[in-house]
Each structure stands twice: as structure tokens, then as C-alpha cells.
Amino acid sequence: MFRFPNLLWSPKQILLMHHFLFH
């Protein structure tokens, strides 16, 4: 779902984005 490389995203940021998108 994310078009940005996971390497540029820290695990916490990914979790936050996922939380906001599905909150």
C-alpha cells in the first residue's frame, strides 16, 4: 500500500501511518 521504500521508513513511522489510515 505504501509506495515509499520501507528502508526510508522507520518501523514506528510505518505503524503510526498504518494506525492513522485504519483508525
PDB file of N, CA and C in Angstrom:
ATOM      1  N   MET A   1       0.831  -1.197   0.000  1.00  0.00           N
ATOM      2  CA  MET A   1       0.000   0.000   0.000  1.00  0.00           C
ATOM      3  C   MET A   1       0.869   1.252   0.000  1.00  0.00           C
ATOM      4  N   PHE A   2       2.024   1.120   0.634  1.00  0.00           N
ATOM      5  CA  PHE A   2       2.936   2.261   0.675  1.00  0.00           C
ATOM      6  C   PHE A   2       3.832   2.260  -0.549  1.00  0.00           C
ATOM      7  N   ARG A   3       3.930   3.376  -1.230  1.00  0.00           N
ATOM      8  CA  ARG A   3       4.793   3.471  -2.401  1.00  0.00           C
ATOM      9  C   ARG A   3       6.203   3.879  -2.012  1.00  0.00           C
ATOM     10  N   PHE A   4       6.379   4.290  -0.749  1.00  0.00           N
ATOM     11  CA  PHE A   4       7.704   4.700  -0.298  1.00  0.00           C
ATOM     12  C   PHE A   4       8.492   3.473   0.150  1.00  0.00           C
ATOM     13  N   PRO A   5       9.782   3.452  -0.146  1.00  0.00           N
ATOM     14  CA  PRO A   5      10.631   2.329   0.276  1.00  0.00           C
ATOM     15  C   PRO A   5      10.597   2.162   1.791  1.00  0.00           C
ATOM     16  N   ASN A   6      10.463   0.929   2.243  1.00  0.00           N
ATOM     17  CA  ASN A   6      10.421   0.685   3.684  1.00  0.00           C
ATOM     18  C   ASN A   6      11.736   1.056   4.350  1.00  0.00           C
ATOM     19  N   LEU A   7      12.802   1.071   3.566  1.00  0.00           N
ATOM     20  CA  LEU A   7      14.108   1.411   4.133  1.00  0.00           C
ATOM     21  C   LEU A   7      14.140   2.852   4.605  1.00  0.00           C
ATOM     22  N   LEU A   8      13.314   3.690   3.980  1.00  0.00           N
ATOM     23  CA  LEU A   8      13.291   5.096   4.369  1.00  0.00           C
ATOM     24  C   LEU A   8      12.319   5.330   5.517  1.00  0.00           C
ATOM     25  N   TRP A   9      11.521   4.311   5.791  1.00  0.00           N
ATOM     26  CA  TRP A   9      10.529   4.456   6.852  1.00  0.00           C
ATOM     27  C   TRP A   9      10.958   3.645   8.063  1.00  0.00           C
ATOM     28  N   SER A  10      10.928   4.273   9.205  1.00  0.00           N
ATOM     29  CA  SER A  10      11.244   3.551  10.437  1.00  0.00           C
ATOM     30  C   SER A  10      10.007   2.753  10.854  1.00  0.00           C
ATOM     31  N   PRO A  11      10.192   1.630  11.527  1.00  0.00           N
ATOM     32  CA  PRO A  11       9.061   0.783  11.949  1.00  0.00           C
ATOM     33  C   PRO A  11       7.994   1.578  12.693  1.00  0.00           C
ATOM     34  N   LYS A  12       8.418   2.492  13.542  1.00  0.00           N
ATOM     35  CA  LYS A  12       7.445   3.276  14.307  1.00  0.00           C
ATOM     36  C   LYS A  12       6.610   4.146  13.381  1.00  0.00           C
ATOM     37  N   GLN A  13       7.245   4.764  12.392  1.00  0.00           N
ATOM     38  CA  GLN A  13       6.502   5.617  11.465  1.00  0.00           C
ATOM     39  C   GLN A  13       5.519   4.785  10.655  1.00  0.00           C
ATOM     40  N   ILE A  14       5.935   3.590  10.255  1.00  0.00           N
ATOM     41  CA  ILE A  14       5.039   2.718   9.494  1.00  0.00           C
ATOM     42  C   ILE A  14       3.824   2.355  10.342  1.00  0.00           C
ATOM     43  N   LEU A  15       4.080   2.045  11.609  1.00  0.00           N
ATOM     44  CA  LEU A  15       2.969   1.687  12.496  1.00  0.00           C
ATOM     45  C   LEU A  15       2.046   2.873  12.714  1.00  0.00           C
ATOM     46  N   LEU A  16       2.622   4.051  12.843  1.00  0.00           N
ATOM     47  CA  LEU A  16       1.799   5.248  13.036  1.00  0.00           C
ATOM     48  C   LEU A  16       0.948   5.512  11.802  1.00  0.00           C
ATOM     49  N   MET A  17       1.554   5.413  10.634  1.00  0.00           N
ATOM     50  CA  MET A  17       0.807   5.647   9.394  1.00  0.00           C
ATOM     51  C   MET A  17      -0.318   4.628   9.270  1.00  0.00           C
ATOM     52  N   HIS A  18      -0.005   3.369   9.552  1.00  0.00           N
ATOM     53  CA  HIS A  18      -0.999   2.317   9.463  1.00  0.00           C
ATOM     54  C   HIS A  18      -2.137   2.587  10.446  1.00  0.00           C
ATOM     55  N   HIS A  19      -1.782   3.044  11.629  1.00  0.00           N
ATOM     56  CA  HIS A  19      -2.791   3.323  12.659  1.00  0.00           C
ATOM     57  C   HIS A  19      -3.711   4.458  12.219  1.00  0.00           C
ATOM     58  N   PHE A  20      -3.120   5.517  11.679  1.00  0.00           N
ATOM     59  CA  PHE A  20      -3.937   6.663  11.258  1.00  0.00           C
ATOM     60  C   PHE A  20      -4.810   6.308  10.056  1.00  0.00           C
ATOM     61  N   LEU A  21      -4.266   5.500   9.152  1.00  0.00           N
ATOM     62  CA  LEU A  21      -5.027   5.157   7.954  1.00  0.00           C
ATOM     63  C   LEU A  21      -6.224   4.264   8.290  1.00  0.00           C
ATOM     64  N   PHE A  22      -6.057   3.432   9.312  1.00  0.00           N
ATOM     65  CA  PHE A  22      -7.119   2.475   9.637  1.00  0.00           C
ATOM     66  C   PHE A  22      -7.800   2.799  10.955  1.00  0.00           C
ATOM     67  N   HIS A  23      -7.623   4.014  11.408  1.00  0.00           N
ATOM     68  CA  HIS A  23      -8.244   4.391  12.676  1.00  0.00           C
ATOM     69  C   HIS A  23      -9.653   4.947  12.429  1.00  0.00           C
TER      70      HIS A  23
END
